[in-house]
Amino acid sequence: MATTKLTKENLEAVLTRRLGLKDAAFHLEKVGNRLVGDIVSPTFRGRRDHERQHMIWDALDAELGADSARLVGMLLAYTPDEWNLGEENKPTTKKDRKAG
């Protein structure tokens, strides 16, 4: 996929396919010329941070070659449990409260 422009959708497709991501959620944004953000998937469960990074960059290098470092910036990988950590401590809003 030697291309000079990488869209969020293309990056999501590459990582989902190459990593075999299950139930992935992507939180990506463009910063300068690079895509950066977070990837949430149960596929990362049981893997250390450095293993997750190797998985991501190996997939990007295999797909994009030398362009990967130019097109993609920081990507952090989380499991759903890690991503939702602290959800139970968030204050409720009016629309979250049940009538009664």
PDB file of N, CA and C in Angstrom:
ATOM      1  N   MET A   1       0.829  -1.190   0.000  1.00  0.00           N
ATOM      2  CA  MET A   1       0.000   0.000   0.000  1.00  0.00           C
ATOM      3  C   MET A   1       0.872   1.251   0.000  1.00  0.00           C
ATOM      4  N   ALA A   2       1.831   1.299  -0.864  1.00  0.00           N
ATOM      5  CA  ALA A   2       2.710   2.458  -0.945  1.00  0.00           C
ATOM      6  C   ALA A   2       1.893   3.652  -1.422  1.00  0.00           C
ATOM      7  N   THR A   3       1.525   4.485  -0.506  1.00  0.00           N
ATOM      8  CA  THR A   3       0.702   5.647  -0.819  1.00  0.00           C
ATOM      9  C   THR A   3       1.205   6.835  -0.023  1.00  0.00           C
ATOM     10  N   THR A   4       0.994   8.021  -0.540  1.00  0.00           N
ATOM     11  CA  THR A   4       1.447   9.207   0.167  1.00  0.00           C
ATOM     12  C   THR A   4       0.373   9.765   1.080  1.00  0.00           C
ATOM     13  N   LYS A   5      -0.867   9.292   0.932  1.00  0.00           N
ATOM     14  CA  LYS A   5      -1.955   9.762   1.787  1.00  0.00           C
ATOM     15  C   LYS A   5      -2.611   8.557   2.463  1.00  0.00           C
ATOM     16  N   LEU A   6      -2.705   8.623   3.751  1.00  0.00           N
ATOM     17  CA  LEU A   6      -3.322   7.547   4.523  1.00  0.00           C
ATOM     18  C   LEU A   6      -4.519   8.127   5.256  1.00  0.00           C
ATOM     19  N   THR A   7      -5.692   7.561   5.022  1.00  0.00           N
ATOM     20  CA  THR A   7      -6.895   8.033   5.709  1.00  0.00           C
ATOM     21  C   THR A   7      -7.102   7.229   6.989  1.00  0.00           C
ATOM     22  N   LYS A   8      -7.949   7.758   7.863  1.00  0.00           N
ATOM     23  CA  LYS A   8      -8.303   7.033   9.085  1.00  0.00           C
ATOM     24  C   LYS A   8      -8.889   5.672   8.738  1.00  0.00           C
ATOM     25  N   GLU A   9      -9.756   5.662   7.746  1.00  0.00           N
ATOM     26  CA  GLU A   9     -10.418   4.414   7.349  1.00  0.00           C
ATOM     27  C   GLU A   9      -9.406   3.388   6.843  1.00  0.00           C
ATOM     28  N   ASN A  10      -8.436   3.847   6.044  1.00  0.00           N
ATOM     29  CA  ASN A  10      -7.407   2.936   5.535  1.00  0.00           C
ATOM     30  C   ASN A  10      -6.557   2.373   6.672  1.00  0.00           C
ATOM     31  N   LEU A  11      -6.181   3.238   7.616  1.00  0.00           N
ATOM     32  CA  LEU A  11      -5.371   2.797   8.744  1.00  0.00           C
ATOM     33  C   LEU A  11      -6.138   1.778   9.584  1.00  0.00           C
ATOM     34  N   GLU A  12      -7.397   2.049   9.840  1.00  0.00           N
ATOM     35  CA  GLU A  12      -8.235   1.106  10.591  1.00  0.00           C
ATOM     36  C   GLU A  12      -8.310  -0.241   9.876  1.00  0.00           C
ATOM     37  N   ALA A  13      -8.502  -0.213   8.567  1.00  0.00           N
ATOM     38  CA  ALA A  13      -8.606  -1.454   7.794  1.00  0.00           C
ATOM     39  C   ALA A  13      -7.294  -2.240   7.820  1.00  0.00           C
ATOM     40  N   VAL A  14      -6.184  -1.548   7.660  1.00  0.00           N
ATOM     41  CA  VAL A  14      -4.869  -2.201   7.673  1.00  0.00           C
ATOM     42  C   VAL A  14      -4.629  -2.876   9.014  1.00  0.00           C
ATOM     43  N   LEU A  15      -4.837  -2.148  10.102  1.00  0.00           N
ATOM     44  CA  LEU A  15      -4.567  -2.705  11.430  1.00  0.00           C
ATOM     45  C   LEU A  15      -5.542  -3.820  11.788  1.00  0.00           C
ATOM     46  N   THR A  16      -6.798  -3.656  11.436  1.00  0.00           N
ATOM     47  CA  THR A  16      -7.783  -4.699  11.726  1.00  0.00           C
ATOM     48  C   THR A  16      -7.418  -5.986  11.006  1.00  0.00           C
ATOM     49  N   ARG A  17      -7.072  -5.866   9.742  1.00  0.00           N
ATOM     50  CA  ARG A  17      -6.740  -7.048   8.944  1.00  0.00           C
ATOM     51  C   ARG A  17      -5.413  -7.669   9.368  1.00  0.00           C
ATOM     52  N   ARG A  18      -4.384  -6.862   9.474  1.00  0.00           N
ATOM     53  CA  ARG A  18      -3.044  -7.378   9.776  1.00  0.00           C
ATOM     54  C   ARG A  18      -2.917  -7.924  11.192  1.00  0.00           C
ATOM     55  N   LEU A  19      -3.637  -7.319  12.141  1.00  0.00           N
ATOM     56  CA  LEU A  19      -3.548  -7.758  13.538  1.00  0.00           C
ATOM     57  C   LEU A  19      -4.666  -8.724  13.915  1.00  0.00           C
ATOM     58  N   GLY A  20      -5.609  -8.916  13.028  1.00  0.00           N
ATOM     59  CA  GLY A  20      -6.744  -9.779  13.338  1.00  0.00           C
ATOM     60  C   GLY A  20      -7.550  -9.234  14.502  1.00  0.00           C
ATOM     61  N   LEU A  21      -7.714  -7.914  14.549  1.00  0.00           N
ATOM     62  CA  LEU A  21      -8.407  -7.277  15.676  1.00  0.00           C
ATOM     63  C   LEU A  21      -9.869  -7.680  15.722  1.00  0.00           C
ATOM     64  N   LYS A  22     -10.315  -8.017  16.912  1.00  0.00           N
ATOM     65  CA  LYS A  22     -11.721  -8.349  17.158  1.00  0.00           C
ATOM     66  C   LYS A  22     -12.381  -7.175  17.877  1.00  0.00           C
ATOM     67  N   ASP A  23     -13.573  -6.824  17.452  1.00  0.00           N
ATOM     68  CA  ASP A  23     -14.363  -5.765  18.100  1.00  0.00           C
ATOM     69  C   ASP A  23     -13.535  -4.509  18.373  1.00  0.00           C
ATOM     70  N   ALA A  24     -12.799  -4.063  17.386  1.00  0.00           N
ATOM     71  CA  ALA A  24     -11.904  -2.916  17.568  1.00  0.00           C
ATOM     72  C   ALA A  24     -12.657  -1.593  17.521  1.00  0.00           C
ATOM     73  N   ALA A  25     -12.225  -0.671  18.357  1.00  0.00           N
ATOM     74  CA  ALA A  25     -12.701   0.713  18.325  1.00  0.00           C
ATOM     75  C   ALA A  25     -11.463   1.590  18.134  1.00  0.00           C
ATOM     76  N   PHE A  26     -11.547   2.500  17.198  1.00  0.00           N
ATOM     77  CA  PHE A  26     -10.425   3.387  16.908  1.00  0.00           C
ATOM     78  C   PHE A  26     -10.789   4.807  17.291  1.00  0.00           C
ATOM     79  N   HIS A  27      -9.839   5.492  17.885  1.00  0.00           N
ATOM     80  CA  HIS A  27      -9.987   6.901  18.253  1.00  0.00           C
ATOM     81  C   HIS A  27      -8.788   7.609  17.634  1.00  0.00           C
ATOM     82  N   LEU A  28      -8.928   7.973  16.361  1.00  0.00           N
ATOM     83  CA  LEU A  28      -7.815   8.512  15.597  1.00  0.00           C
ATOM     84  C   LEU A  28      -8.067   9.965  15.227  1.00  0.00           C
ATOM     85  N   GLU A  29      -6.981  10.702  15.080  1.00  0.00           N
ATOM     86  CA  GLU A  29      -7.078  12.071  14.600  1.00  0.00           C
ATOM     87  C   GLU A  29      -5.824  12.418  13.812  1.00  0.00           C
ATOM     88  N   LYS A  30      -5.944  13.408  12.979  1.00  0.00           N
ATOM     89  CA  LYS A  30      -4.828  13.875  12.173  1.00  0.00           C
ATOM     90  C   LYS A  30      -4.106  14.961  12.958  1.00  0.00           C
ATOM     91  N   VAL A  31      -2.801  14.801  13.149  1.00  0.00           N
ATOM     92  CA  VAL A  31      -1.973  15.813  13.797  1.00  0.00           C
ATOM     93  C   VAL A  31      -0.815  16.082  12.840  1.00  0.00           C
ATOM     94  N   GLY A  32      -0.832  17.269  12.260  1.00  0.00           N
ATOM     95  CA  GLY A  32       0.145  17.567  11.217  1.00  0.00           C
ATOM     96  C   GLY A  32      -0.115  16.647  10.037  1.00  0.00           C
ATOM     97  N   ASN A  33       0.912  15.934   9.627  1.00  0.00           N
ATOM     98  CA  ASN A  33       0.782  15.005   8.497  1.00  0.00           C
ATOM     99  C   ASN A  33       0.584  13.562   8.936  1.00  0.00           C
ATOM    100  N   ARG A  34       0.441  13.334  10.228  1.00  0.00           N
ATOM    101  CA  ARG A  34       0.356  11.961  10.740  1.00  0.00           C
ATOM    102  C   ARG A  34      -0.983  11.678  11.401  1.00  0.00           C
ATOM    103  N   LEU A  35      -1.336  10.397  11.377  1.00  0.00           N
ATOM    104  CA  LEU A  35      -2.493   9.924  12.129  1.00  0.00           C
ATOM    105  C   LEU A  35      -2.000   9.406  13.474  1.00  0.00           C
ATOM    106  N   VAL A  36      -2.669   9.803  14.533  1.00  0.00           N
ATOM    107  CA  VAL A  36      -2.319   9.383  15.889  1.00  0.00           C
ATOM    108  C   VAL A  36      -3.593   8.979  16.612  1.00  0.00           C
ATOM    109  N   GLY A  37      -3.446   8.273  17.732  1.00  0.00           N
ATOM    110  CA  GLY A  37      -4.628   7.966  18.521  1.00  0.00           C
ATOM    111  C   GLY A  37      -4.551   6.671  19.279  1.00  0.00           C
ATOM    112  N   ASP A  38      -5.733   6.128  19.562  1.00  0.00           N
ATOM    113  CA  ASP A  38      -5.869   4.947  20.402  1.00  0.00           C
ATOM    114  C   ASP A  38      -6.626   3.852  19.663  1.00  0.00           C
ATOM    115  N   ILE A  39      -6.248   2.624  19.986  1.00  0.00           N
ATOM    116  CA  ILE A  39      -6.915   1.446  19.444  1.00  0.00           C
ATOM    117  C   ILE A  39      -7.377   0.623  20.636  1.00  0.00           C
ATOM    118  N   VAL A  40      -8.642   0.259  20.657  1.00  0.00           N
ATOM    119  CA  VAL A  40      -9.207  -0.522  21.754  1.00  0.00           C
ATOM    120  C   VAL A  40      -9.716  -1.845  21.190  1.00  0.00           C
ATOM    121  N   SER A  41      -9.177  -2.943  21.717  1.00  0.00           N
ATOM    122  CA  SER A  41      -9.610  -4.265  21.246  1.00  0.00           C
ATOM    123  C   SER A  41      -9.250  -5.327  22.276  1.00  0.00           C
ATOM    124  N   PRO A  42     -10.129  -6.314  22.450  1.00  0.00           N
ATOM    125  CA  PRO A  42      -9.795  -7.424  23.345  1.00  0.00           C
ATOM    126  C   PRO A  42      -8.612  -8.246  22.819  1.00  0.00           C
ATOM    127  N   THR A  43      -8.245  -8.063  21.568  1.00  0.00           N
ATOM    128  CA  THR A  43      -7.089  -8.751  20.988  1.00  0.00           C
ATOM    129  C   THR A  43      -5.808  -8.432  21.756  1.00  0.00           C
ATOM    130  N   PHE A  44      -5.744  -7.283  22.407  1.00  0.00           N
ATOM    131  CA  PHE A  44      -4.537  -6.873  23.138  1.00  0.00           C
ATOM    132  C   PHE A  44      -4.452  -7.478  24.541  1.00  0.00           C
ATOM    133  N   ARG A  45      -5.507  -8.151  24.978  1.00  0.00           N
ATOM    134  CA  ARG A  45      -5.540  -8.731  26.317  1.00  0.00           C
ATOM    135  C   ARG A  45      -4.380  -9.703  26.501  1.00  0.00           C
ATOM    136  N   GLY A  46      -3.706  -9.613  27.637  1.00  0.00           N
ATOM    137  CA  GLY A  46      -2.609 -10.524  27.962  1.00  0.00           C
ATOM    138  C   GLY A  46      -1.272 -10.148  27.337  1.00  0.00           C
ATOM    139  N   ARG A  47      -1.210  -9.005  26.665  1.00  0.00           N
ATOM    140  CA  ARG A  47       0.045  -8.567  26.036  1.00  0.00           C
ATOM    141  C   ARG A  47       0.548  -7.313  26.720  1.00  0.00           C
ATOM    142  N   ARG A  48       1.836  -7.279  26.902  1.00  0.00           N
ATOM    143  CA  ARG A  48       2.465  -6.100  27.513  1.00  0.00           C
ATOM    144  C   ARG A  48       2.484  -4.943  26.521  1.00  0.00           C
ATOM    145  N   ASP A  49       2.674  -3.733  27.057  1.00  0.00           N
ATOM    146  CA  ASP A  49       2.673  -2.534  26.212  1.00  0.00           C
ATOM    147  C   ASP A  49       3.667  -2.645  25.062  1.00  0.00           C
ATOM    148  N   HIS A  50       4.888  -3.089  25.354  1.00  0.00           N
ATOM    149  CA  HIS A  50       5.896  -3.158  24.288  1.00  0.00           C
ATOM    150  C   HIS A  50       5.529  -4.212  23.240  1.00  0.00           C
ATOM    151  N   GLU A  51       4.848  -5.268  23.640  1.00  0.00           N
ATOM    152  CA  GLU A  51       4.387  -6.277  22.676  1.00  0.00           C
ATOM    153  C   GLU A  51       3.315  -5.686  21.756  1.00  0.00           C
ATOM    154  N   ARG A  52       2.440  -4.904  22.339  1.00  0.00           N
ATOM    155  CA  ARG A  52       1.388  -4.257  21.560  1.00  0.00           C
ATOM    156  C   ARG A  52       1.997  -3.305  20.528  1.00  0.00           C
ATOM    157  N   GLN A  53       2.994  -2.534  20.978  1.00  0.00           N
ATOM    158  CA  GLN A  53       3.655  -1.599  20.062  1.00  0.00           C
ATOM    159  C   GLN A  53       4.353  -2.339  18.921  1.00  0.00           C
ATOM    160  N   HIS A  54       5.021  -3.437  19.247  1.00  0.00           N
ATOM    161  CA  HIS A  54       5.681  -4.235  18.198  1.00  0.00           C
ATOM    162  C   HIS A  54       4.650  -4.775  17.209  1.00  0.00           C
ATOM    163  N   MET A  55       3.528  -5.246  17.713  1.00  0.00           N
ATOM    164  CA  MET A  55       2.466  -5.745  16.839  1.00  0.00           C
ATOM    165  C   MET A  55       2.024  -4.664  15.853  1.00  0.00           C
ATOM    166  N   ILE A  56       1.752  -3.484  16.391  1.00  0.00           N
ATOM    167  CA  ILE A  56       1.255  -2.380  15.574  1.00  0.00           C
ATOM    168  C   ILE A  56       2.284  -1.973  14.526  1.00  0.00           C
ATOM    169  N   TRP A  57       3.517  -1.747  14.953  1.00  0.00           N
ATOM    170  CA  TRP A  57       4.529  -1.247  14.022  1.00  0.00           C
ATOM    171  C   TRP A  57       4.976  -2.306  13.035  1.00  0.00           C
ATOM    172  N   ASP A  58       4.986  -3.557  13.431  1.00  0.00           N
ATOM    173  CA  ASP A  58       5.294  -4.624  12.468  1.00  0.00           C
ATOM    174  C   ASP A  58       4.226  -4.665  11.374  1.00  0.00           C
ATOM    175  N   ALA A  59       2.966  -4.519  11.763  1.00  0.00           N
ATOM    176  CA  ALA A  59       1.867  -4.512  10.790  1.00  0.00           C
ATOM    177  C   ALA A  59       1.972  -3.311   9.862  1.00  0.00           C
ATOM    178  N   LEU A  60       2.267  -2.139  10.429  1.00  0.00           N
ATOM    179  CA  LEU A  60       2.379  -0.932   9.608  1.00  0.00           C
ATOM    180  C   LEU A  60       3.565  -1.005   8.656  1.00  0.00           C
ATOM    181  N   ASP A  61       4.695  -1.473   9.157  1.00  0.00           N
ATOM    182  CA  ASP A  61       5.881  -1.600   8.302  1.00  0.00           C
ATOM    183  C   ASP A  61       5.642  -2.592   7.172  1.00  0.00           C
ATOM    184  N   ALA A  62       4.965  -3.693   7.471  1.00  0.00           N
ATOM    185  CA  ALA A  62       4.687  -4.702   6.446  1.00  0.00           C
ATOM    186  C   ALA A  62       3.756  -4.138   5.370  1.00  0.00           C
ATOM    187  N   GLU A  63       2.844  -3.285   5.769  1.00  0.00           N
ATOM    188  CA  GLU A  63       1.860  -2.750   4.831  1.00  0.00           C
ATOM    189  C   GLU A  63       2.350  -1.487   4.126  1.00  0.00           C
ATOM    190  N   LEU A  64       2.985  -0.588   4.867  1.00  0.00           N
ATOM    191  CA  LEU A  64       3.344   0.726   4.331  1.00  0.00           C
ATOM    192  C   LEU A  64       4.822   0.890   4.029  1.00  0.00           C
ATOM    193  N   GLY A  65       5.641  -0.020   4.525  1.00  0.00           N
ATOM    194  CA  GLY A  65       7.081   0.084   4.313  1.00  0.00           C
ATOM    195  C   GLY A  65       7.649   1.327   4.971  1.00  0.00           C
ATOM    196  N   ALA A  66       8.563   1.973   4.273  1.00  0.00           N
ATOM    197  CA  ALA A  66       9.257   3.145   4.817  1.00  0.00           C
ATOM    198  C   ALA A  66       8.311   4.313   5.085  1.00  0.00           C
ATOM    199  N   ASP A  67       7.144   4.321   4.454  1.00  0.00           N
ATOM    200  CA  ASP A  67       6.185   5.411   4.663  1.00  0.00           C
ATOM    201  C   ASP A  67       5.524   5.371   6.040  1.00  0.00           C
ATOM    202  N   SER A  68       5.587   4.237   6.730  1.00  0.00           N
ATOM    203  CA  SER A  68       4.845   4.104   7.989  1.00  0.00           C
ATOM    204  C   SER A  68       5.219   5.176   9.006  1.00  0.00           C
ATOM    205  N   ALA A  69       6.501   5.437   9.197  1.00  0.00           N
ATOM    206  CA  ALA A  69       6.924   6.430  10.194  1.00  0.00           C
ATOM    207  C   ALA A  69       6.556   7.852   9.785  1.00  0.00           C
ATOM    208  N   ARG A  70       6.402   8.079   8.508  1.00  0.00           N
ATOM    209  CA  ARG A  70       6.045   9.404   8.017  1.00  0.00           C
ATOM    210  C   ARG A  70       4.537   9.651   8.099  1.00  0.00           C
ATOM    211  N   LEU A  71       3.756   8.583   8.000  1.00  0.00           N
ATOM    212  CA  LEU A  71       2.297   8.711   7.944  1.00  0.00           C
ATOM    213  C   LEU A  71       1.585   8.485   9.271  1.00  0.00           C
ATOM    214  N   VAL A  72       2.243   7.755  10.179  1.00  0.00           N
ATOM    215  CA  VAL A  72       1.604   7.385  11.443  1.00  0.00           C
ATOM    216  C   VAL A  72       2.465   7.843  12.607  1.00  0.00           C
ATOM    217  N   GLY A  73       1.821   8.454  13.594  1.00  0.00           N
ATOM    218  CA  GLY A  73       2.513   8.879  14.802  1.00  0.00           C
ATOM    219  C   GLY A  73       2.205   7.913  15.939  1.00  0.00           C
ATOM    220  N   MET A  74       2.030   8.442  17.122  1.00  0.00           N
ATOM    221  CA  MET A  74       1.806   7.631  18.307  1.00  0.00           C
ATOM    222  C   MET A  74       0.451   6.934  18.250  1.00  0.00           C
ATOM    223  N   LEU A  75       0.482   5.616  18.389  1.00  0.00           N
ATOM    224  CA  LEU A  75      -0.740   4.817  18.514  1.00  0.00           C
ATOM    225  C   LEU A  75      -0.632   4.023  19.803  1.00  0.00           C
ATOM    226  N   LEU A  76      -1.611   4.170  20.674  1.00  0.00           N
ATOM    227  CA  LEU A  76      -1.623   3.434  21.928  1.00  0.00           C
ATOM    228  C   LEU A  76      -2.704   2.363  21.861  1.00  0.00           C
ATOM    229  N   ALA A  77      -2.402   1.204  22.416  1.00  0.00           N
ATOM    230  CA  ALA A  77      -3.311   0.059  22.352  1.00  0.00           C
ATOM    231  C   ALA A  77      -3.845  -0.264  23.746  1.00  0.00           C
ATOM    232  N   TYR A  78      -5.151  -0.467  23.827  1.00  0.00           N
ATOM    233  CA  TYR A  78      -5.821  -0.755  25.092  1.00  0.00           C
ATOM    234  C   TYR A  78      -6.767  -1.941  24.927  1.00  0.00           C
ATOM    235  N   THR A  79      -7.013  -2.624  26.016  1.00  0.00           N
ATOM    236  CA  THR A  79      -8.111  -3.585  26.052  1.00  0.00           C
ATOM    237  C   THR A  79      -9.367  -2.788  26.433  1.00  0.00           C
ATOM    238  N   PRO A  80     -10.546  -3.324  26.203  1.00  0.00           N
ATOM    239  CA  PRO A  80     -11.759  -2.602  26.612  1.00  0.00           C
ATOM    240  C   PRO A  80     -11.783  -2.302  28.113  1.00  0.00           C
ATOM    241  N   ASP A  81     -11.303  -3.236  28.930  1.00  0.00           N
ATOM    242  CA  ASP A  81     -11.275  -2.999  30.379  1.00  0.00           C
ATOM    243  C   ASP A  81     -10.363  -1.829  30.732  1.00  0.00           C
ATOM    244  N   GLU A  82      -9.211  -1.741  30.088  1.00  0.00           N
ATOM    245  CA  GLU A  82      -8.286  -0.639  30.346  1.00  0.00           C
ATOM    246  C   GLU A  82      -8.885   0.683  29.871  1.00  0.00           C
ATOM    247  N   TRP A  83      -9.525   0.664  28.716  1.00  0.00           N
ATOM    248  CA  TRP A  83     -10.104   1.880  28.148  1.00  0.00           C
ATOM    249  C   TRP A  83     -11.220   2.418  29.036  1.00  0.00           C
ATOM    250  N   ASN A  84     -12.014   1.534  29.625  1.00  0.00           N
ATOM    251  CA  ASN A  84     -13.158   1.936  30.444  1.00  0.00           C
ATOM    252  C   ASN A  84     -12.827   2.074  31.921  1.00  0.00           C
ATOM    253  N   LEU A  85     -11.578   1.946  32.270  1.00  0.00           N
ATOM    254  CA  LEU A  85     -11.150   2.054  33.663  1.00  0.00           C
ATOM    255  C   LEU A  85     -11.621   3.384  34.245  1.00  0.00           C
ATOM    256  N   GLY A  86     -12.278   3.338  35.362  1.00  0.00           N
ATOM    257  CA  GLY A  86     -12.756   4.549  36.016  1.00  0.00           C
ATOM    258  C   GLY A  86     -14.153   4.966  35.606  1.00  0.00           C
ATOM    259  N   GLU A  87     -14.769   4.245  34.672  1.00  0.00           N
ATOM    260  CA  GLU A  87     -16.127   4.586  34.233  1.00  0.00           C
ATOM    261  C   GLU A  87     -17.105   4.631  35.405  1.00  0.00           C
ATOM    262  N   GLU A  88     -16.934   3.712  36.356  1.00  0.00           N
ATOM    263  CA  GLU A  88     -17.876   3.656  37.476  1.00  0.00           C
ATOM    264  C   GLU A  88     -17.752   4.858  38.402  1.00  0.00           C
ATOM    265  N   ASN A  89     -16.667   5.611  38.297  1.00  0.00           N
ATOM    266  CA  ASN A  89     -16.463   6.773  39.155  1.00  0.00           C
ATOM    267  C   ASN A  89     -16.850   8.089  38.495  1.00  0.00           C
ATOM    268  N   LYS A  90     -17.314   8.034  37.255  1.00  0.00           N
ATOM    269  CA  LYS A  90     -17.697   9.257  36.566  1.00  0.00           C
ATOM    270  C   LYS A  90     -19.012   9.767  37.152  1.00  0.00           C
ATOM    271  N   PRO A  91     -19.130  11.077  37.296  1.00  0.00           N
ATOM    272  CA  PRO A  91     -20.385  11.624  37.812  1.00  0.00           C
ATOM    273  C   PRO A  91     -21.504  11.416  36.800  1.00  0.00           C
ATOM    274  N   THR A  92     -22.698  11.201  37.317  1.00  0.00           N
ATOM    275  CA  THR A  92     -23.846  11.022  36.426  1.00  0.00           C
ATOM    276  C   THR A  92     -24.367  12.382  36.003  1.00  0.00           C
ATOM    277  N   THR A  93     -24.905  12.424  34.815  1.00  0.00           N
ATOM    278  CA  THR A  93     -25.527  13.646  34.322  1.00  0.00           C
ATOM    279  C   THR A  93     -27.034  13.458  34.378  1.00  0.00           C
ATOM    280  N   LYS A  94     -27.756  14.502  34.138  1.00  0.00           N
ATOM    281  CA  LYS A  94     -29.217  14.403  34.196  1.00  0.00           C
ATOM    282  C   LYS A  94     -29.747  13.316  33.275  1.00  0.00           C
ATOM    283  N   LYS A  95     -29.178  13.226  32.062  1.00  0.00           N
ATOM    284  CA  LYS A  95     -29.720  12.237  31.143  1.00  0.00           C
ATOM    285  C   LYS A  95     -29.315  10.806  31.538  1.00  0.00           C
ATOM    286  N   ASP A  96     -28.298  10.638  32.383  1.00  0.00           N
ATOM    287  CA  ASP A  96     -27.893   9.320  32.865  1.00  0.00           C
ATOM    288  C   ASP A  96     -28.783   8.826  33.988  1.00  0.00           C
ATOM    289  N   ARG A  97     -29.398   9.736  34.735  1.00  0.00           N
ATOM    290  CA  ARG A  97     -30.214   9.349  35.882  1.00  0.00           C
ATOM    291  C   ARG A  97     -31.552   8.786  35.422  1.00  0.00           C
ATOM    292  N   LYS A  98     -32.013   7.793  36.143  1.00  0.00           N
ATOM    293  CA  LYS A  98     -33.328   7.232  35.843  1.00  0.00           C
ATOM    294  C   LYS A  98     -34.400   7.987  36.623  1.00  0.00           C
ATOM    295  N   ALA A  99     -35.528   8.135  35.972  1.00  0.00           N
ATOM    296  CA  ALA A  99     -36.635   8.806  36.652  1.00  0.00           C
ATOM    297  C   ALA A  99     -37.165   7.905  37.754  1.00  0.00           C
ATOM    298  N   GLY A 100     -37.592   8.506  38.810  1.00  0.00           N
ATOM    299  CA  GLY A 100     -38.165   7.638  39.813  1.00  0.00           C
ATOM    300  C   GLY A 100     -38.212   8.270  41.072  1.00  0.00           C
TER     301      GLY A 100
END
